[in-house]
PDB file of N, CA and C in Angstrom:
ATOM      1  N   MET A   1      -2.885  -0.816   0.327  1.00  0.00           N
ATOM      2  CA  MET A   1      -1.829   0.124   0.327  1.00  0.00           C
ATOM      3  C   MET A   1      -1.624   0.541  -1.118  1.00  0.00           C
ATOM      4  N   SER A   2      -1.372   1.804  -1.308  1.00  0.00           N
ATOM      5  CA  SER A   2      -1.121   2.345  -2.637  1.00  0.00           C
ATOM      6  C   SER A   2       0.156   3.168  -2.582  1.00  0.00           C
ATOM      7  N   ASP A   3       1.063   2.910  -3.520  1.00  0.00           N
ATOM      8  CA  ASP A   3       2.367   3.577  -3.503  1.00  0.00           C
ATOM      9  C   ASP A   3       2.738   4.032  -4.914  1.00  0.00           C
ATOM     10  N   PRO A   4       2.501   5.311  -5.221  1.00  0.00           N
ATOM     11  CA  PRO A   4       2.930   5.813  -6.534  1.00  0.00           C
ATOM     12  C   PRO A   4       4.449   5.718  -6.666  1.00  0.00           C
ATOM     13  N   VAL A   5       4.905   5.246  -7.812  1.00  0.00           N
ATOM     14  CA  VAL A   5       6.344   5.138  -8.061  1.00  0.00           C
ATOM     15  C   VAL A   5       6.908   6.558  -8.195  1.00  0.00           C
ATOM     16  N   PRO A   6       7.930   6.884  -7.401  1.00  0.00           N
ATOM     17  CA  PRO A   6       8.451   8.256  -7.402  1.00  0.00           C
ATOM     18  C   PRO A   6       9.057   8.673  -8.744  1.00  0.00           C
ATOM     19  N   ALA A   7       8.947   9.959  -9.031  1.00  0.00           N
ATOM     20  CA  ALA A   7       9.584  10.526 -10.216  1.00  0.00           C
ATOM     21  C   ALA A   7      11.081  10.241 -10.165  1.00  0.00           C
ATOM     22  N   GLY A   8      11.657   9.944 -11.308  1.00  0.00           N
ATOM     23  CA  GLY A   8      13.091   9.666 -11.375  1.00  0.00           C
ATOM     24  C   GLY A   8      13.425   8.208 -11.131  1.00  0.00           C
ATOM     25  N   THR A   9      12.393   7.361 -10.957  1.00  0.00           N
ATOM     26  CA  THR A   9      12.615   5.936 -10.759  1.00  0.00           C
ATOM     27  C   THR A   9      11.764   5.133 -11.727  1.00  0.00           C
ATOM     28  N   THR A  10      12.106   3.857 -11.853  1.00  0.00           N
ATOM     29  CA  THR A  10      11.358   2.927 -12.693  1.00  0.00           C
ATOM     30  C   THR A  10      11.064   1.675 -11.883  1.00  0.00           C
ATOM     31  N   PHE A  11       9.846   1.177 -11.954  1.00  0.00           N
ATOM     32  CA  PHE A  11       9.476  -0.046 -11.255  1.00  0.00           C
ATOM     33  C   PHE A  11      10.292  -1.221 -11.772  1.00  0.00           C
ATOM     34  N   VAL A  12      10.790  -2.051 -10.839  1.00  0.00           N
ATOM     35  CA  VAL A  12      11.514  -3.277 -11.193  1.00  0.00           C
ATOM     36  C   VAL A  12      10.726  -4.495 -10.734  1.00  0.00           C
ATOM     37  N   SER A  13      10.381  -4.557  -9.439  1.00  0.00           N
ATOM     38  CA  SER A  13       9.656  -5.722  -8.926  1.00  0.00           C
ATOM     39  C   SER A  13       9.014  -5.399  -7.588  1.00  0.00           C
ATOM     40  N   ALA A  14       8.099  -6.292  -7.177  1.00  0.00           N
ATOM     41  CA  ALA A  14       7.467  -6.198  -5.859  1.00  0.00           C
ATOM     42  C   ALA A  14       7.181  -7.621  -5.389  1.00  0.00           C
ATOM     43  N   THR A  15       7.182  -7.813  -4.073  1.00  0.00           N
ATOM     44  CA  THR A  15       7.001  -9.141  -3.506  1.00  0.00           C
ATOM     45  C   THR A  15       5.648  -9.280  -2.814  1.00  0.00           C
ATOM     46  N   ASN A  16       5.342 -10.503  -2.397  1.00  0.00           N
ATOM     47  CA  ASN A  16       4.202 -10.826  -1.538  1.00  0.00           C
ATOM     48  C   ASN A  16       2.859 -10.433  -2.138  1.00  0.00           C
ATOM     49  N   GLY A  17       2.737 -10.530  -3.467  1.00  0.00           N
ATOM     50  CA  GLY A  17       1.459 -10.253  -4.118  1.00  0.00           C
ATOM     51  C   GLY A  17       1.199  -8.809  -4.480  1.00  0.00           C
ATOM     52  N   ALA A  18       2.136  -7.915  -4.185  1.00  0.00           N
ATOM     53  CA  ALA A  18       1.973  -6.515  -4.592  1.00  0.00           C
ATOM     54  C   ALA A  18       2.005  -6.466  -6.126  1.00  0.00           C
ATOM     55  N   THR A  19       1.204  -5.586  -6.688  1.00  0.00           N
ATOM     56  CA  THR A  19       1.105  -5.496  -8.144  1.00  0.00           C
ATOM     57  C   THR A  19       1.399  -4.082  -8.620  1.00  0.00           C
ATOM     58  N   TYR A  20       1.929  -3.994  -9.829  1.00  0.00           N
ATOM     59  CA  TYR A  20       2.265  -2.708 -10.438  1.00  0.00           C
ATOM     60  C   TYR A  20       1.308  -2.426 -11.577  1.00  0.00           C
ATOM     61  N   SER A  21       0.785  -1.211 -11.614  1.00  0.00           N
ATOM     62  CA  SER A  21      -0.080  -0.772 -12.697  1.00  0.00           C
ATOM     63  C   SER A  21       0.656   0.275 -13.532  1.00  0.00           C
ATOM     64  N   PRO A  22       1.108  -0.090 -14.731  1.00  0.00           N
ATOM     65  CA  PRO A  22       1.837   0.886 -15.558  1.00  0.00           C
ATOM     66  C   PRO A  22       1.001   2.109 -15.927  1.00  0.00           C
ATOM     67  N   GLY A  23      -0.319   1.929 -16.069  1.00  0.00           N
ATOM     68  CA  GLY A  23      -1.192   3.042 -16.446  1.00  0.00           C
ATOM     69  C   GLY A  23      -1.201   4.164 -15.425  1.00  0.00           C
ATOM     70  N   THR A  24      -1.128   3.789 -14.142  1.00  0.00           N
ATOM     71  CA  THR A  24      -1.132   4.793 -13.086  1.00  0.00           C
ATOM     72  C   THR A  24       0.236   4.936 -12.426  1.00  0.00           C
ATOM     73  N   ASN A  25       1.184   4.087 -12.836  1.00  0.00           N
ATOM     74  CA  ASN A  25       2.545   4.087 -12.278  1.00  0.00           C
ATOM     75  C   ASN A  25       2.506   3.934 -10.754  1.00  0.00           C
ATOM     76  N   THR A  26       1.648   2.992 -10.309  1.00  0.00           N
ATOM     77  CA  THR A  26       1.401   2.790  -8.888  1.00  0.00           C
ATOM     78  C   THR A  26       1.522   1.317  -8.518  1.00  0.00           C
ATOM     79  N   VAL A  27       2.090   1.060  -7.331  1.00  0.00           N
ATOM     80  CA  VAL A  27       2.139  -0.290  -6.775  1.00  0.00           C
ATOM     81  C   VAL A  27       1.023  -0.406  -5.744  1.00  0.00           C
ATOM     82  N   SER A  28       0.262  -1.509  -5.791  1.00  0.00           N
ATOM     83  CA  SER A  28      -0.828  -1.750  -4.853  1.00  0.00           C
ATOM     84  C   SER A  28      -0.578  -3.060  -4.115  1.00  0.00           C
ATOM     85  N   PHE A  29      -0.980  -3.081  -2.851  1.00  0.00           N
ATOM     86  CA  PHE A  29      -0.814  -4.264  -2.024  1.00  0.00           C
ATOM     87  C   PHE A  29      -2.017  -4.390  -1.113  1.00  0.00           C
ATOM     88  N   THR A  30      -2.643  -5.562  -1.121  1.00  0.00           N
ATOM     89  CA  THR A  30      -3.786  -5.825  -0.250  1.00  0.00           C
ATOM     90  C   THR A  30      -3.366  -6.852   0.786  1.00  0.00           C
ATOM     91  N   ALA A  31      -3.442  -6.487   2.035  1.00  0.00           N
ATOM     92  CA  ALA A  31      -2.993  -7.360   3.117  1.00  0.00           C
ATOM     93  C   ALA A  31      -4.052  -8.381   3.492  1.00  0.00           C
ATOM     94  N   GLY A  32      -5.300  -8.127   3.194  1.00  0.00           N
ATOM     95  CA  GLY A  32      -6.356  -9.016   3.641  1.00  0.00           C
ATOM     96  C   GLY A  32      -6.681  -8.750   5.103  1.00  0.00           C
ATOM     97  N   THR A  33      -7.269  -9.723   5.759  1.00  0.00           N
ATOM     98  CA  THR A  33      -7.656  -9.571   7.156  1.00  0.00           C
ATOM     99  C   THR A  33      -6.478  -9.884   8.067  1.00  0.00           C
ATOM    100  N   LEU A  34      -6.177  -8.968   8.971  1.00  0.00           N
ATOM    101  CA  LEU A  34      -5.110  -9.173   9.947  1.00  0.00           C
ATOM    102  C   LEU A  34      -5.711  -9.213  11.344  1.00  0.00           C
ATOM    103  N   THR A  35      -5.235 -10.124  12.159  1.00  0.00           N
ATOM    104  CA  THR A  35      -5.687 -10.176  13.550  1.00  0.00           C
ATOM    105  C   THR A  35      -5.025  -9.049  14.331  1.00  0.00           C
ATOM    106  N   PRO A  36      -5.590  -8.660  15.466  1.00  0.00           N
ATOM    107  CA  PRO A  36      -4.970  -7.601  16.283  1.00  0.00           C
ATOM    108  C   PRO A  36      -3.503  -7.928  16.600  1.00  0.00           C
ATOM    109  N   GLY A  37      -2.638  -6.967  16.367  1.00  0.00           N
ATOM    110  CA  GLY A  37      -1.211  -7.121  16.626  1.00  0.00           C
ATOM    111  C   GLY A  37      -0.438  -7.756  15.486  1.00  0.00           C
ATOM    112  N   ALA A  38      -1.138  -8.234  14.466  1.00  0.00           N
ATOM    113  CA  ALA A  38      -0.467  -8.873  13.329  1.00  0.00           C
ATOM    114  C   ALA A  38       0.079  -7.822  12.376  1.00  0.00           C
ATOM    115  N   SER A  39       0.981  -8.228  11.520  1.00  0.00           N
ATOM    116  CA  SER A  39       1.532  -7.324  10.515  1.00  0.00           C
ATOM    117  C   SER A  39       1.803  -8.100   9.231  1.00  0.00           C
ATOM    118  N   THR A  40       2.033  -7.377   8.193  1.00  0.00           N
ATOM    119  CA  THR A  40       2.414  -7.960   6.912  1.00  0.00           C
ATOM    120  C   THR A  40       3.330  -6.964   6.220  1.00  0.00           C
ATOM    121  N   SER A  41       3.983  -7.402   5.166  1.00  0.00           N
ATOM    122  CA  SER A  41       4.895  -6.496   4.462  1.00  0.00           C
ATOM    123  C   SER A  41       5.076  -6.934   3.018  1.00  0.00           C
ATOM    124  N   PHE A  42       5.648  -6.048   2.255  1.00  0.00           N
ATOM    125  CA  PHE A  42       6.080  -6.369   0.907  1.00  0.00           C
ATOM    126  C   PHE A  42       7.328  -5.550   0.634  1.00  0.00           C
ATOM    127  N   GLN A  43       8.056  -5.957  -0.376  1.00  0.00           N
ATOM    128  CA  GLN A  43       9.267  -5.227  -0.757  1.00  0.00           C
ATOM    129  C   GLN A  43       9.096  -4.682  -2.166  1.00  0.00           C
ATOM    130  N   LEU A  44       9.433  -3.446  -2.340  1.00  0.00           N
ATOM    131  CA  LEU A  44       9.346  -2.762  -3.629  1.00  0.00           C
ATOM    132  C   LEU A  44      10.759  -2.447  -4.095  1.00  0.00           C
ATOM    133  N   THR A  45      11.085  -2.848  -5.317  1.00  0.00           N
ATOM    134  CA  THR A  45      12.405  -2.557  -5.878  1.00  0.00           C
ATOM    135  C   THR A  45      12.237  -1.612  -7.059  1.00  0.00           C
ATOM    136  N   LEU A  46      12.945  -0.501  -7.009  1.00  0.00           N
ATOM    137  CA  LEU A  46      12.914   0.498  -8.069  1.00  0.00           C
ATOM    138  C   LEU A  46      14.320   0.737  -8.591  1.00  0.00           C
ATOM    139  N   ALA A  47      14.428   1.111  -9.852  1.00  0.00           N
ATOM    140  CA  ALA A  47      15.705   1.541 -10.416  1.00  0.00           C
ATOM    141  C   ALA A  47      15.712   3.060 -10.448  1.00  0.00           C
ATOM    142  N   ILE A  48      16.800   3.643  -9.978  1.00  0.00           N
ATOM    143  CA  ILE A  48      16.929   5.101  -9.989  1.00  0.00           C
ATOM    144  C   ILE A  48      17.626   5.518 -11.270  1.00  0.00           C
ATOM    145  N   SER A  49      17.050   6.481 -11.951  1.00  0.00           N
ATOM    146  CA  SER A  49      17.615   6.974 -13.200  1.00  0.00           C
ATOM    147  C   SER A  49      19.029   7.479 -12.970  1.00  0.00           C
ATOM    148  N   PRO A  50      19.967   7.151 -13.879  1.00  0.00           N
ATOM    149  CA  PRO A  50      21.341   7.633 -13.717  1.00  0.00           C
ATOM    150  C   PRO A  50      21.457   9.156 -13.801  1.00  0.00           C
ATOM    151  N   THR A  51      20.436   9.801 -14.350  1.00  0.00           N
ATOM    152  CA  THR A  51      20.470  11.261 -14.450  1.00  0.00           C
ATOM    153  C   THR A  51      19.727  11.942 -13.301  1.00  0.00           C
ATOM    154  N   PHE A  52      19.208  11.137 -12.364  1.00  0.00           N
ATOM    155  CA  PHE A  52      18.456  11.698 -11.241  1.00  0.00           C
ATOM    156  C   PHE A  52      19.377  12.498 -10.330  1.00  0.00           C
ATOM    157  N   SER A  53      18.876  13.633  -9.901  1.00  0.00           N
ATOM    158  CA  SER A  53      19.581  14.413  -8.885  1.00  0.00           C
ATOM    159  C   SER A  53      18.543  15.027  -7.971  1.00  0.00           C
ATOM    160  N   GLY A  54      18.933  15.289  -6.752  1.00  0.00           N
ATOM    161  CA  GLY A  54      17.988  15.865  -5.806  1.00  0.00           C
ATOM    162  C   GLY A  54      17.611  14.882  -4.729  1.00  0.00           C
ATOM    163  N   THR A  55      16.441  15.057  -4.158  1.00  0.00           N
ATOM    164  CA  THR A  55      15.964  14.222  -3.063  1.00  0.00           C
ATOM    165  C   THR A  55      14.886  13.288  -3.565  1.00  0.00           C
ATOM    166  N   LEU A  56      15.039  12.015  -3.269  1.00  0.00           N
ATOM    167  CA  LEU A  56      14.043  11.025  -3.651  1.00  0.00           C
ATOM    168  C   LEU A  56      13.042  10.872  -2.506  1.00  0.00           C
ATOM    169  N   VAL A  57      11.750  11.047  -2.820  1.00  0.00           N
ATOM    170  CA  VAL A  57      10.699  10.936  -1.812  1.00  0.00           C
ATOM    171  C   VAL A  57       9.719   9.859  -2.261  1.00  0.00           C
ATOM    172  N   ASN A  58       9.428   8.930  -1.356  1.00  0.00           N
ATOM    173  CA  ASN A  58       8.452   7.875  -1.635  1.00  0.00           C
ATOM    174  C   ASN A  58       7.384   7.908  -0.545  1.00  0.00           C
ATOM    175  N   THR A  59       6.127   8.074  -0.948  1.00  0.00           N
ATOM    176  CA  THR A  59       5.027   8.160   0.011  1.00  0.00           C
ATOM    177  C   THR A  59       3.964   7.132  -0.341  1.00  0.00           C
ATOM    178  N   ALA A  60       3.660   6.238   0.604  1.00  0.00           N
ATOM    179  CA  ALA A  60       2.604   5.244   0.422  1.00  0.00           C
ATOM    180  C   ALA A  60       1.396   5.625   1.261  1.00  0.00           C
ATOM    181  N   THR A  61       0.222   5.195   0.813  1.00  0.00           N
ATOM    182  CA  THR A  61      -1.010   5.446   1.537  1.00  0.00           C
ATOM    183  C   THR A  61      -1.614   4.111   1.955  1.00  0.00           C
ATOM    184  N   VAL A  62      -1.941   3.986   3.233  1.00  0.00           N
ATOM    185  CA  VAL A  62      -2.540   2.764   3.769  1.00  0.00           C
ATOM    186  C   VAL A  62      -3.952   3.079   4.248  1.00  0.00           C
ATOM    187  N   VAL A  63      -4.886   2.220   3.888  1.00  0.00           N
ATOM    188  CA  VAL A  63      -6.283   2.402   4.272  1.00  0.00           C
ATOM    189  C   VAL A  63      -6.762   1.108   4.924  1.00  0.00           C
ATOM    190  N   GLY A  64      -7.430   1.227   6.060  1.00  0.00           N
ATOM    191  CA  GLY A  64      -7.988   0.056   6.734  1.00  0.00           C
ATOM    192  C   GLY A  64      -9.447   0.240   7.027  1.00  0.00           C
ATOM    193  N   ALA A  65     -10.133  -0.894   7.216  1.00  0.00           N
ATOM    194  CA  ALA A  65     -11.565  -0.850   7.489  1.00  0.00           C
ATOM    195  C   ALA A  65     -11.858  -0.534   8.951  1.00  0.00           C
ATOM    196  N   ASP A  66     -10.927  -0.840   9.833  1.00  0.00           N
ATOM    197  CA  ASP A  66     -11.127  -0.620  11.265  1.00  0.00           C
ATOM    198  C   ASP A  66     -10.211   0.477  11.768  1.00  0.00           C
ATOM    199  N   PRO A  67     -10.672   1.268  12.721  1.00  0.00           N
ATOM    200  CA  PRO A  67      -9.812   2.329  13.275  1.00  0.00           C
ATOM    201  C   PRO A  67      -8.633   1.729  14.066  1.00  0.00           C
ATOM    202  N   ASP A  68      -7.539   2.431  14.076  1.00  0.00           N
ATOM    203  CA  ASP A  68      -6.369   2.032  14.844  1.00  0.00           C
ATOM    204  C   ASP A  68      -6.491   2.666  16.232  1.00  0.00           C
ATOM    205  N   PRO A  69      -6.626   1.831  17.272  1.00  0.00           N
ATOM    206  CA  PRO A  69      -6.879   2.403  18.611  1.00  0.00           C
ATOM    207  C   PRO A  69      -5.744   3.237  19.149  1.00  0.00           C
TER     208      PRO A  69
END
């Protein structure tokens, strides 16, 4: 999973092995192998700039090796 940190925010922390890359301003998370029906998660904490105004949009991209039936 790849999640660019949205404009107007600053990375604070991430859980469950997710890592932050300051060079690309992106959080990455690798779930490993999951059995059918299994799930995993992580939590991302960001600080919102006090001068931020408008709509905050966060979009993550998930890629898997097997198709989702």
